[in-house]
Amino acid sequence: AGETSYPFTLGWNDWTNNVVGGQEQLLPEYPATPEGQKAYLARLKEMVSEAPEVIGFCYWGGEWISFKGNQAQNGSSWENQALWDFENKAVPALEVFNQ
């Protein structure tokens, strides 16, 4: 098993630097968009299901939204990789877990 995450945006919702915040940190085929995050996760799930020696993966920081407000300097550095957007609504990538 392994851990993963991927951004749905390179933006932020607080004044805490994000772990992934630059275009150069992305895989070219997966943009930092809700659709890119979902495509990344779907491909990863497909790869895991094809590998007999792998039993699964977990999504790191899926709940780490900006919990202290948009002015916080000690908020969440994973907020743009969470499975909830900046309005606390589920992002499309969450659907991959139901497929």
PDB file of N, CA and C in Angstrom:
ATOM      1  N   ALA A   1       0.844  -1.182   0.000  1.00  0.00           N
ATOM      2  CA  ALA A   1       0.000   0.000   0.000  1.00  0.00           C
ATOM      3  C   ALA A   1       0.884   1.238   0.000  1.00  0.00           C
ATOM      4  N   GLY A   2       0.370   2.327  -0.500  1.00  0.00           N
ATOM      5  CA  GLY A   2       1.116   3.573  -0.546  1.00  0.00           C
ATOM      6  C   GLY A   2       0.186   4.758  -0.377  1.00  0.00           C
ATOM      7  N   GLU A   3       0.769   5.921  -0.222  1.00  0.00           N
ATOM      8  CA  GLU A   3       0.003   7.157  -0.062  1.00  0.00           C
ATOM      9  C   GLU A   3       0.169   8.016  -1.302  1.00  0.00           C
ATOM     10  N   THR A   4      -0.842   8.809  -1.597  1.00  0.00           N
ATOM     11  CA  THR A   4      -0.772   9.722  -2.721  1.00  0.00           C
ATOM     12  C   THR A   4      -1.636  10.943  -2.467  1.00  0.00           C
ATOM     13  N   SER A   5      -1.466  11.959  -3.267  1.00  0.00           N
ATOM     14  CA  SER A   5      -2.338  13.126  -3.312  1.00  0.00           C
ATOM     15  C   SER A   5      -1.982  13.888  -4.575  1.00  0.00           C
ATOM     16  N   TYR A   6      -2.866  14.798  -4.975  1.00  0.00           N
ATOM     17  CA  TYR A   6      -2.625  15.600  -6.177  1.00  0.00           C
ATOM     18  C   TYR A   6      -3.501  16.843  -6.093  1.00  0.00           C
ATOM     19  N   PRO A   7      -3.010  17.982  -6.565  1.00  0.00           N
ATOM     20  CA  PRO A   7      -3.777  19.222  -6.415  1.00  0.00           C
ATOM     21  C   PRO A   7      -4.920  19.385  -7.410  1.00  0.00           C
ATOM     22  N   PHE A   8      -5.995  19.992  -6.939  1.00  0.00           N
ATOM     23  CA  PHE A   8      -7.096  20.400  -7.815  1.00  0.00           C
ATOM     24  C   PHE A   8      -6.916  21.853  -8.241  1.00  0.00           C
ATOM     25  N   THR A   9      -5.933  22.537  -7.655  1.00  0.00           N
ATOM     26  CA  THR A   9      -5.582  23.912  -7.993  1.00  0.00           C
ATOM     27  C   THR A   9      -4.185  24.195  -7.464  1.00  0.00           C
ATOM     28  N   LEU A  10      -3.548  25.208  -8.023  1.00  0.00           N
ATOM     29  CA  LEU A  10      -2.286  25.680  -7.451  1.00  0.00           C
ATOM     30  C   LEU A  10      -2.533  26.887  -6.561  1.00  0.00           C
ATOM     31  N   GLY A  11      -3.781  27.282  -6.434  1.00  0.00           N
ATOM     32  CA  GLY A  11      -4.155  28.394  -5.570  1.00  0.00           C
ATOM     33  C   GLY A  11      -4.157  27.997  -4.112  1.00  0.00           C
ATOM     34  N   TRP A  12      -4.514  28.939  -3.268  1.00  0.00           N
ATOM     35  CA  TRP A  12      -4.573  28.683  -1.832  1.00  0.00           C
ATOM     36  C   TRP A  12      -5.749  29.430  -1.233  1.00  0.00           C
ATOM     37  N   ASN A  13      -6.115  28.992  -0.041  1.00  0.00           N
ATOM     38  CA  ASN A  13      -7.253  29.583   0.659  1.00  0.00           C
ATOM     39  C   ASN A  13      -6.859  30.102   2.033  1.00  0.00           C
ATOM     40  N   ASP A  14      -5.590  30.138   2.305  1.00  0.00           N
ATOM     41  CA  ASP A  14      -5.057  30.723   3.527  1.00  0.00           C
ATOM     42  C   ASP A  14      -3.656  31.227   3.205  1.00  0.00           C
ATOM     43  N   TRP A  15      -2.981  31.775   4.165  1.00  0.00           N
ATOM     44  CA  TRP A  15      -1.640  32.309   3.938  1.00  0.00           C
ATOM     45  C   TRP A  15      -0.572  31.336   4.428  1.00  0.00           C
ATOM     46  N   THR A  16      -0.782  30.054   4.142  1.00  0.00           N
ATOM     47  CA  THR A  16       0.174  29.005   4.476  1.00  0.00           C
ATOM     48  C   THR A  16       0.665  28.415   3.164  1.00  0.00           C
ATOM     49  N   ASN A  17       1.970  28.343   2.975  1.00  0.00           N
ATOM     50  CA  ASN A  17       2.507  27.785   1.734  1.00  0.00           C
ATOM     51  C   ASN A  17       2.043  26.353   1.542  1.00  0.00           C
ATOM     52  N   ASN A  18       1.637  26.038   0.322  1.00  0.00           N
ATOM     53  CA  ASN A  18       1.202  24.676   0.007  1.00  0.00           C
ATOM     54  C   ASN A  18       2.398  23.805  -0.368  1.00  0.00           C
ATOM     55  N   VAL A  19       2.304  22.534  -0.041  1.00  0.00           N
ATOM     56  CA  VAL A  19       3.356  21.579  -0.355  1.00  0.00           C
ATOM     57  C   VAL A  19       3.571  21.520  -1.866  1.00  0.00           C
ATOM     58  N   VAL A  20       2.492  21.501  -2.633  1.00  0.00           N
ATOM     59  CA  VAL A  20       2.561  21.575  -4.088  1.00  0.00           C
ATOM     60  C   VAL A  20       1.929  22.896  -4.490  1.00  0.00           C
ATOM     61  N   GLY A  21       2.757  23.788  -5.016  1.00  0.00           N
ATOM     62  CA  GLY A  21       2.254  25.102  -5.359  1.00  0.00           C
ATOM     63  C   GLY A  21       2.781  25.636  -6.674  1.00  0.00           C
ATOM     64  N   GLY A  22       3.618  24.853  -7.369  1.00  0.00           N
ATOM     65  CA  GLY A  22       4.215  25.315  -8.608  1.00  0.00           C
ATOM     66  C   GLY A  22       3.938  24.387  -9.775  1.00  0.00           C
ATOM     67  N   GLN A  23       3.806  24.963 -10.939  1.00  0.00           N
ATOM     68  CA  GLN A  23       3.561  24.200 -12.165  1.00  0.00           C
ATOM     69  C   GLN A  23       4.621  23.123 -12.379  1.00  0.00           C
ATOM     70  N   GLU A  24       5.866  23.409 -12.012  1.00  0.00           N
ATOM     71  CA  GLU A  24       6.963  22.462 -12.215  1.00  0.00           C
ATOM     72  C   GLU A  24       6.833  21.209 -11.347  1.00  0.00           C
ATOM     73  N   GLN A  25       5.956  21.222 -10.364  1.00  0.00           N
ATOM     74  CA  GLN A  25       5.746  20.061  -9.505  1.00  0.00           C
ATOM     75  C   GLN A  25       4.692  19.106 -10.056  1.00  0.00           C
ATOM     76  N   LEU A  26       4.027  19.497 -11.115  1.00  0.00           N
ATOM     77  CA  LEU A  26       2.934  18.694 -11.674  1.00  0.00           C
ATOM     78  C   LEU A  26       3.424  17.713 -12.723  1.00  0.00           C
ATOM     79  N   LEU A  27       2.657  16.662 -12.915  1.00  0.00           N
ATOM     80  CA  LEU A  27       2.862  15.776 -14.048  1.00  0.00           C
ATOM     81  C   LEU A  27       2.201  16.445 -15.251  1.00  0.00           C
ATOM     82  N   PRO A  28       2.887  16.566 -16.383  1.00  0.00           N
ATOM     83  CA  PRO A  28       2.348  17.321 -17.512  1.00  0.00           C
ATOM     84  C   PRO A  28       0.964  16.885 -17.979  1.00  0.00           C
ATOM     85  N   GLU A  29       0.677  15.614 -17.895  1.00  0.00           N
ATOM     86  CA  GLU A  29      -0.619  15.117 -18.376  1.00  0.00           C
ATOM     87  C   GLU A  29      -1.767  15.327 -17.393  1.00  0.00           C
ATOM     88  N   TYR A  30      -1.464  15.820 -16.194  1.00  0.00           N
ATOM     89  CA  TYR A  30      -2.483  16.034 -15.171  1.00  0.00           C
ATOM     90  C   TYR A  30      -2.403  17.468 -14.642  1.00  0.00           C
ATOM     91  N   PRO A  31      -3.191  18.372 -15.190  1.00  0.00           N
ATOM     92  CA  PRO A  31      -3.153  19.757 -14.713  1.00  0.00           C
ATOM     93  C   PRO A  31      -3.734  19.871 -13.302  1.00  0.00           C
ATOM     94  N   ALA A  32      -3.417  20.949 -12.632  1.00  0.00           N
ATOM     95  CA  ALA A  32      -3.945  21.206 -11.289  1.00  0.00           C
ATOM     96  C   ALA A  32      -5.342  21.804 -11.418  1.00  0.00           C
ATOM     97  N   THR A  33      -6.264  20.946 -11.809  1.00  0.00           N
ATOM     98  CA  THR A  33      -7.674  21.301 -11.950  1.00  0.00           C
ATOM     99  C   THR A  33      -8.478  20.181 -11.300  1.00  0.00           C
ATOM    100  N   PRO A  34      -9.738  20.406 -11.005  1.00  0.00           N
ATOM    101  CA  PRO A  34     -10.547  19.304 -10.473  1.00  0.00           C
ATOM    102  C   PRO A  34     -10.553  18.086 -11.405  1.00  0.00           C
ATOM    103  N   GLU A  35     -10.601  18.318 -12.714  1.00  0.00           N
ATOM    104  CA  GLU A  35     -10.596  17.216 -13.672  1.00  0.00           C
ATOM    105  C   GLU A  35      -9.230  16.534 -13.740  1.00  0.00           C
ATOM    106  N   GLY A  36      -8.153  17.321 -13.638  1.00  0.00           N
ATOM    107  CA  GLY A  36      -6.807  16.757 -13.641  1.00  0.00           C
ATOM    108  C   GLY A  36      -6.538  15.915 -12.410  1.00  0.00           C
ATOM    109  N   GLN A  37      -7.003  16.378 -11.264  1.00  0.00           N
ATOM    110  CA  GLN A  37      -6.866  15.614 -10.023  1.00  0.00           C
ATOM    111  C   GLN A  37      -7.615  14.288 -10.140  1.00  0.00           C
ATOM    112  N   LYS A  38      -8.827  14.333 -10.674  1.00  0.00           N
ATOM    113  CA  LYS A  38      -9.623  13.113 -10.833  1.00  0.00           C
ATOM    114  C   LYS A  38      -8.966  12.155 -11.816  1.00  0.00           C
ATOM    115  N   ALA A  39      -8.456  12.667 -12.935  1.00  0.00           N
ATOM    116  CA  ALA A  39      -7.797  11.818 -13.932  1.00  0.00           C
ATOM    117  C   ALA A  39      -6.554  11.157 -13.350  1.00  0.00           C
ATOM    118  N   TYR A  40      -5.787  11.910 -12.564  1.00  0.00           N
ATOM    119  CA  TYR A  40      -4.604  11.355 -11.905  1.00  0.00           C
ATOM    120  C   TYR A  40      -4.992  10.194 -10.994  1.00  0.00           C
ATOM    121  N   LEU A  41      -5.990  10.417 -10.175  1.00  0.00           N
ATOM    122  CA  LEU A  41      -6.409   9.399  -9.222  1.00  0.00           C
ATOM    123  C   LEU A  41      -7.000   8.179  -9.924  1.00  0.00           C
ATOM    124  N   ALA A  42      -7.757   8.403 -10.986  1.00  0.00           N
ATOM    125  CA  ALA A  42      -8.333   7.287 -11.747  1.00  0.00           C
ATOM    126  C   ALA A  42      -7.230   6.440 -12.376  1.00  0.00           C
ATOM    127  N   ARG A  43      -6.214   7.097 -12.920  1.00  0.00           N
ATOM    128  CA  ARG A  43      -5.100   6.357 -13.524  1.00  0.00           C
ATOM    129  C   ARG A  43      -4.326   5.592 -12.466  1.00  0.00           C
ATOM    130  N   LEU A  44      -4.099   6.201 -11.333  1.00  0.00           N
ATOM    131  CA  LEU A  44      -3.407   5.511 -10.248  1.00  0.00           C
ATOM    132  C   LEU A  44      -4.191   4.285  -9.806  1.00  0.00           C
ATOM    133  N   LYS A  45      -5.493   4.432  -9.648  1.00  0.00           N
ATOM    134  CA  LYS A  45      -6.333   3.308  -9.241  1.00  0.00           C
ATOM    135  C   LYS A  45      -6.255   2.185 -10.273  1.00  0.00           C
ATOM    136  N   GLU A  46      -6.251   2.542 -11.543  1.00  0.00           N
ATOM    137  CA  GLU A  46      -6.128   1.546 -12.619  1.00  0.00           C
ATOM    138  C   GLU A  46      -4.791   0.817 -12.530  1.00  0.00           C
ATOM    139  N   MET A  47      -3.718   1.556 -12.316  1.00  0.00           N
ATOM    140  CA  MET A  47      -2.389   0.949 -12.207  1.00  0.00           C
ATOM    141  C   MET A  47      -2.303   0.016 -11.002  1.00  0.00           C
ATOM    142  N   VAL A  48      -2.866   0.427  -9.900  1.00  0.00           N
ATOM    143  CA  VAL A  48      -2.843  -0.402  -8.693  1.00  0.00           C
ATOM    144  C   VAL A  48      -3.615  -1.702  -8.919  1.00  0.00           C
ATOM    145  N   SER A  49      -4.754  -1.616  -9.593  1.00  0.00           N
ATOM    146  CA  SER A  49      -5.567  -2.816  -9.819  1.00  0.00           C
ATOM    147  C   SER A  49      -4.879  -3.792 -10.771  1.00  0.00           C
ATOM    148  N   GLU A  50      -3.963  -3.307 -11.598  1.00  0.00           N
ATOM    149  CA  GLU A  50      -3.243  -4.162 -12.541  1.00  0.00           C
ATOM    150  C   GLU A  50      -1.978  -4.772 -11.946  1.00  0.00           C
ATOM    151  N   ALA A  51      -1.539  -4.304 -10.808  1.00  0.00           N
ATOM    152  CA  ALA A  51      -0.301  -4.774 -10.197  1.00  0.00           C
ATOM    153  C   ALA A  51      -0.607  -5.804  -9.112  1.00  0.00           C
ATOM    154  N   PRO A  52      -0.305  -7.075  -9.354  1.00  0.00           N
ATOM    155  CA  PRO A  52      -0.670  -8.121  -8.384  1.00  0.00           C
ATOM    156  C   PRO A  52       0.017  -7.977  -7.031  1.00  0.00           C
ATOM    157  N   GLU A  53       1.167  -7.324  -6.987  1.00  0.00           N
ATOM    158  CA  GLU A  53       1.889  -7.193  -5.720  1.00  0.00           C
ATOM    159  C   GLU A  53       1.438  -5.992  -4.894  1.00  0.00           C
ATOM    160  N   VAL A  54       0.526  -5.194  -5.414  1.00  0.00           N
ATOM    161  CA  VAL A  54       0.048  -4.009  -4.706  1.00  0.00           C
ATOM    162  C   VAL A  54      -1.366  -4.266  -4.195  1.00  0.00           C
ATOM    163  N   ILE A  55      -1.607  -3.926  -2.936  1.00  0.00           N
ATOM    164  CA  ILE A  55      -2.933  -4.184  -2.367  1.00  0.00           C
ATOM    165  C   ILE A  55      -3.803  -2.932  -2.287  1.00  0.00           C
ATOM    166  N   GLY A  56      -3.223  -1.758  -2.540  1.00  0.00           N
ATOM    167  CA  GLY A  56      -4.040  -0.564  -2.509  1.00  0.00           C
ATOM    168  C   GLY A  56      -3.235   0.688  -2.257  1.00  0.00           C
ATOM    169  N   PHE A  57      -3.929   1.774  -2.038  1.00  0.00           N
ATOM    170  CA  PHE A  57      -3.306   3.047  -1.734  1.00  0.00           C
ATOM    171  C   PHE A  57      -4.248   3.840  -0.849  1.00  0.00           C
ATOM    172  N   CYS A  58      -3.730   4.849  -0.205  1.00  0.00           N
ATOM    173  CA  CYS A  58      -4.589   5.750   0.552  1.00  0.00           C
ATOM    174  C   CYS A  58      -4.302   7.172   0.096  1.00  0.00           C
ATOM    175  N   TYR A  59      -5.293   8.005   0.232  1.00  0.00           N
ATOM    176  CA  TYR A  59      -5.165   9.386  -0.189  1.00  0.00           C
ATOM    177  C   TYR A  59      -4.726  10.220   0.996  1.00  0.00           C
ATOM    178  N   TRP A  60      -3.569  10.851   0.882  1.00  0.00           N
ATOM    179  CA  TRP A  60      -2.988  11.619   1.976  1.00  0.00           C
ATOM    180  C   TRP A  60      -3.618  13.006   2.062  1.00  0.00           C
ATOM    181  N   GLY A  61      -4.058  13.374   3.222  1.00  0.00           N
ATOM    182  CA  GLY A  61      -4.534  14.722   3.484  1.00  0.00           C
ATOM    183  C   GLY A  61      -5.831  15.087   2.792  1.00  0.00           C
ATOM    184  N   GLY A  62      -6.654  14.112   2.506  1.00  0.00           N
ATOM    185  CA  GLY A  62      -7.906  14.369   1.814  1.00  0.00           C
ATOM    186  C   GLY A  62      -8.840  15.313   2.550  1.00  0.00           C
ATOM    187  N   GLU A  63      -8.672  15.398   3.849  1.00  0.00           N
ATOM    188  CA  GLU A  63      -9.543  16.241   4.673  1.00  0.00           C
ATOM    189  C   GLU A  63      -8.851  17.535   5.114  1.00  0.00           C
ATOM    190  N   TRP A  64      -7.624  17.779   4.684  1.00  0.00           N
ATOM    191  CA  TRP A  64      -6.840  18.907   5.184  1.00  0.00           C
ATOM    192  C   TRP A  64      -7.198  20.206   4.479  1.00  0.00           C
ATOM    193  N   ILE A  65      -8.390  20.649   4.685  1.00  0.00           N
ATOM    194  CA  ILE A  65      -8.837  21.921   4.125  1.00  0.00           C
ATOM    195  C   ILE A  65      -8.286  23.071   4.962  1.00  0.00           C
ATOM    196  N   SER A  66      -8.427  24.272   4.488  1.00  0.00           N
ATOM    197  CA  SER A  66      -8.000  25.449   5.233  1.00  0.00           C
ATOM    198  C   SER A  66      -8.974  25.665   6.385  1.00  0.00           C
ATOM    199  N   PHE A  67      -8.663  25.116   7.518  1.00  0.00           N
ATOM    200  CA  PHE A  67      -9.597  25.059   8.640  1.00  0.00           C
ATOM    201  C   PHE A  67      -9.552  26.267   9.567  1.00  0.00           C
ATOM    202  N   LYS A  68      -8.575  27.147   9.384  1.00  0.00           N
ATOM    203  CA  LYS A  68      -8.455  28.306  10.279  1.00  0.00           C
ATOM    204  C   LYS A  68      -8.820  29.612   9.594  1.00  0.00           C
ATOM    205  N   GLY A  69      -9.416  29.537   8.426  1.00  0.00           N
ATOM    206  CA  GLY A  69      -9.834  30.743   7.721  1.00  0.00           C
ATOM    207  C   GLY A  69      -8.813  31.241   6.725  1.00  0.00           C
ATOM    208  N   ASN A  70      -9.264  32.120   5.841  1.00  0.00           N
ATOM    209  CA  ASN A  70      -8.410  32.534   4.731  1.00  0.00           C
ATOM    210  C   ASN A  70      -7.299  33.511   5.112  1.00  0.00           C
ATOM    211  N   GLN A  71      -7.258  33.973   6.337  1.00  0.00           N
ATOM    212  CA  GLN A  71      -6.177  34.843   6.785  1.00  0.00           C
ATOM    213  C   GLN A  71      -5.134  34.096   7.627  1.00  0.00           C
ATOM    214  N   ALA A  72      -5.359  32.802   7.874  1.00  0.00           N
ATOM    215  CA  ALA A  72      -4.466  32.023   8.733  1.00  0.00           C
ATOM    216  C   ALA A  72      -3.081  31.880   8.109  1.00  0.00           C
ATOM    217  N   GLN A  73      -2.072  32.046   8.925  1.00  0.00           N
ATOM    218  CA  GLN A  73      -0.701  31.804   8.487  1.00  0.00           C
ATOM    219  C   GLN A  73      -0.215  30.449   8.963  1.00  0.00           C
ATOM    220  N   ASN A  74      -1.044  29.735   9.659  1.00  0.00           N
ATOM    221  CA  ASN A  74      -0.730  28.380  10.104  1.00  0.00           C
ATOM    222  C   ASN A  74      -1.915  27.467   9.789  1.00  0.00           C
ATOM    223  N   GLY A  75      -2.405  27.569   8.573  1.00  0.00           N
ATOM    224  CA  GLY A  75      -3.557  26.777   8.121  1.00  0.00           C
ATOM    225  C   GLY A  75      -3.120  25.410   7.628  1.00  0.00           C
ATOM    226  N   SER A  76      -3.508  25.074   6.418  1.00  0.00           N
ATOM    227  CA  SER A  76      -3.202  23.760   5.860  1.00  0.00           C
ATOM    228  C   SER A  76      -2.310  23.883   4.642  1.00  0.00           C
ATOM    229  N   SER A  77      -1.162  23.235   4.668  1.00  0.00           N
ATOM    230  CA  SER A  77      -0.263  23.234   3.515  1.00  0.00           C
ATOM    231  C   SER A  77      -0.667  22.189   2.477  1.00  0.00           C
ATOM    232  N   TRP A  78      -1.741  21.447   2.753  1.00  0.00           N
ATOM    233  CA  TRP A  78      -2.253  20.428   1.833  1.00  0.00           C
ATOM    234  C   TRP A  78      -3.625  20.806   1.284  1.00  0.00           C
ATOM    235  N   GLU A  79      -4.128  21.991   1.590  1.00  0.00           N
ATOM    236  CA  GLU A  79      -5.498  22.373   1.239  1.00  0.00           C
ATOM    237  C   GLU A  79      -5.830  22.236  -0.239  1.00  0.00           C
ATOM    238  N   ASN A  80      -4.871  22.493  -1.125  1.00  0.00           N
ATOM    239  CA  ASN A  80      -5.151  22.414  -2.559  1.00  0.00           C
ATOM    240  C   ASN A  80      -5.065  20.994  -3.100  1.00  0.00           C
ATOM    241  N   GLN A  81      -4.784  20.035  -2.225  1.00  0.00           N
ATOM    242  CA  GLN A  81      -4.766  18.629  -2.610  1.00  0.00           C
ATOM    243  C   GLN A  81      -5.862  17.834  -1.896  1.00  0.00           C
ATOM    244  N   ALA A  82      -6.658  18.517  -1.111  1.00  0.00           N
ATOM    245  CA  ALA A  82      -7.732  17.855  -0.372  1.00  0.00           C
ATOM    246  C   ALA A  82      -8.801  17.340  -1.333  1.00  0.00           C
ATOM    247  N   LEU A  83      -9.720  16.588  -0.799  1.00  0.00           N
ATOM    248  CA  LEU A  83     -10.841  16.076  -1.588  1.00  0.00           C
ATOM    249  C   LEU A  83     -12.088  16.933  -1.400  1.00  0.00           C
ATOM    250  N   TRP A  84     -11.888  18.110  -0.792  1.00  0.00           N
ATOM    251  CA  TRP A  84     -12.933  19.123  -0.659  1.00  0.00           C
ATOM    252  C   TRP A  84     -12.333  20.443  -1.107  1.00  0.00           C
ATOM    253  N   ASP A  85     -13.097  21.231  -1.838  1.00  0.00           N
ATOM    254  CA  ASP A  85     -12.589  22.491  -2.362  1.00  0.00           C
ATOM    255  C   ASP A  85     -12.619  23.589  -1.306  1.00  0.00           C
ATOM    256  N   PHE A  86     -12.324  24.805  -1.721  1.00  0.00           N
ATOM    257  CA  PHE A  86     -12.228  25.918  -0.789  1.00  0.00           C
ATOM    258  C   PHE A  86     -13.587  26.373  -0.265  1.00  0.00           C
ATOM    259  N   GLU A  87     -14.660  25.820  -0.797  1.00  0.00           N
ATOM    260  CA  GLU A  87     -16.005  26.083  -0.272  1.00  0.00           C
ATOM    261  C   GLU A  87     -16.547  24.862   0.468  1.00  0.00           C
ATOM    262  N   ASN A  88     -15.631  23.917   0.785  1.00  0.00           N
ATOM    263  CA  ASN A  88     -15.949  22.688   1.530  1.00  0.00           C
ATOM    264  C   ASN A  88     -16.910  21.776   0.781  1.00  0.00           C
ATOM    265  N   LYS A  89     -16.853  21.786  -0.538  1.00  0.00           N
ATOM    266  CA  LYS A  89     -17.648  20.892  -1.377  1.00  0.00           C
ATOM    267  C   LYS A  89     -16.748  19.804  -1.928  1.00  0.00           C
ATOM    268  N   ALA A  90     -17.267  18.586  -2.017  1.00  0.00           N
ATOM    269  CA  ALA A  90     -16.493  17.462  -2.542  1.00  0.00           C
ATOM    270  C   ALA A  90     -16.036  17.755  -3.969  1.00  0.00           C
ATOM    271  N   VAL A  91     -14.780  17.437  -4.262  1.00  0.00           N
ATOM    272  CA  VAL A  91     -14.242  17.593  -5.615  1.00  0.00           C
ATOM    273  C   VAL A  91     -14.536  16.320  -6.411  1.00  0.00           C
ATOM    274  N   PRO A  92     -14.510  16.392  -7.743  1.00  0.00           N
ATOM    275  CA  PRO A  92     -14.819  15.222  -8.568  1.00  0.00           C
ATOM    276  C   PRO A  92     -13.936  14.008  -8.290  1.00  0.00           C
ATOM    277  N   ALA A  93     -12.706  14.201  -7.838  1.00  0.00           N
ATOM    278  CA  ALA A  93     -11.804  13.076  -7.580  1.00  0.00           C
ATOM    279  C   ALA A  93     -12.370  12.103  -6.549  1.00  0.00           C
ATOM    280  N   LEU A  94     -13.209  12.575  -5.677  1.00  0.00           N
ATOM    281  CA  LEU A  94     -13.796  11.718  -4.658  1.00  0.00           C
ATOM    282  C   LEU A  94     -14.624  10.598  -5.288  1.00  0.00           C
ATOM    283  N   GLU A  95     -15.165  10.855  -6.471  1.00  0.00           N
ATOM    284  CA  GLU A  95     -15.969   9.855  -7.175  1.00  0.00           C
ATOM    285  C   GLU A  95     -15.161   8.602  -7.553  1.00  0.00           C
ATOM    286  N   VAL A  96     -13.860   8.752  -7.715  1.00  0.00           N
ATOM    287  CA  VAL A  96     -13.009   7.613  -8.109  1.00  0.00           C
ATOM    288  C   VAL A  96     -13.077   6.502  -7.074  1.00  0.00           C
ATOM    289  N   PHE A  97     -13.270   6.840  -5.827  1.00  0.00           N
ATOM    290  CA  PHE A  97     -13.335   5.833  -4.781  1.00  0.00           C
ATOM    291  C   PHE A  97     -14.621   5.004  -4.859  1.00  0.00           C
ATOM    292  N   ASN A  98     -15.625   5.485  -5.564  1.00  0.00           N
ATOM    293  CA  ASN A  98     -16.887   4.752  -5.711  1.00  0.00           C
ATOM    294  C   ASN A  98     -16.960   3.937  -6.987  1.00  0.00           C
ATOM    295  N   GLN A  99     -15.951   4.005  -7.813  1.00  0.00           N
ATOM    296  CA  GLN A  99     -15.982   3.301  -9.103  1.00  0.00           C
ATOM    297  C   GLN A  99     -15.438   1.920  -8.983  1.00  0.00           C
TER     298      GLN A  99
END
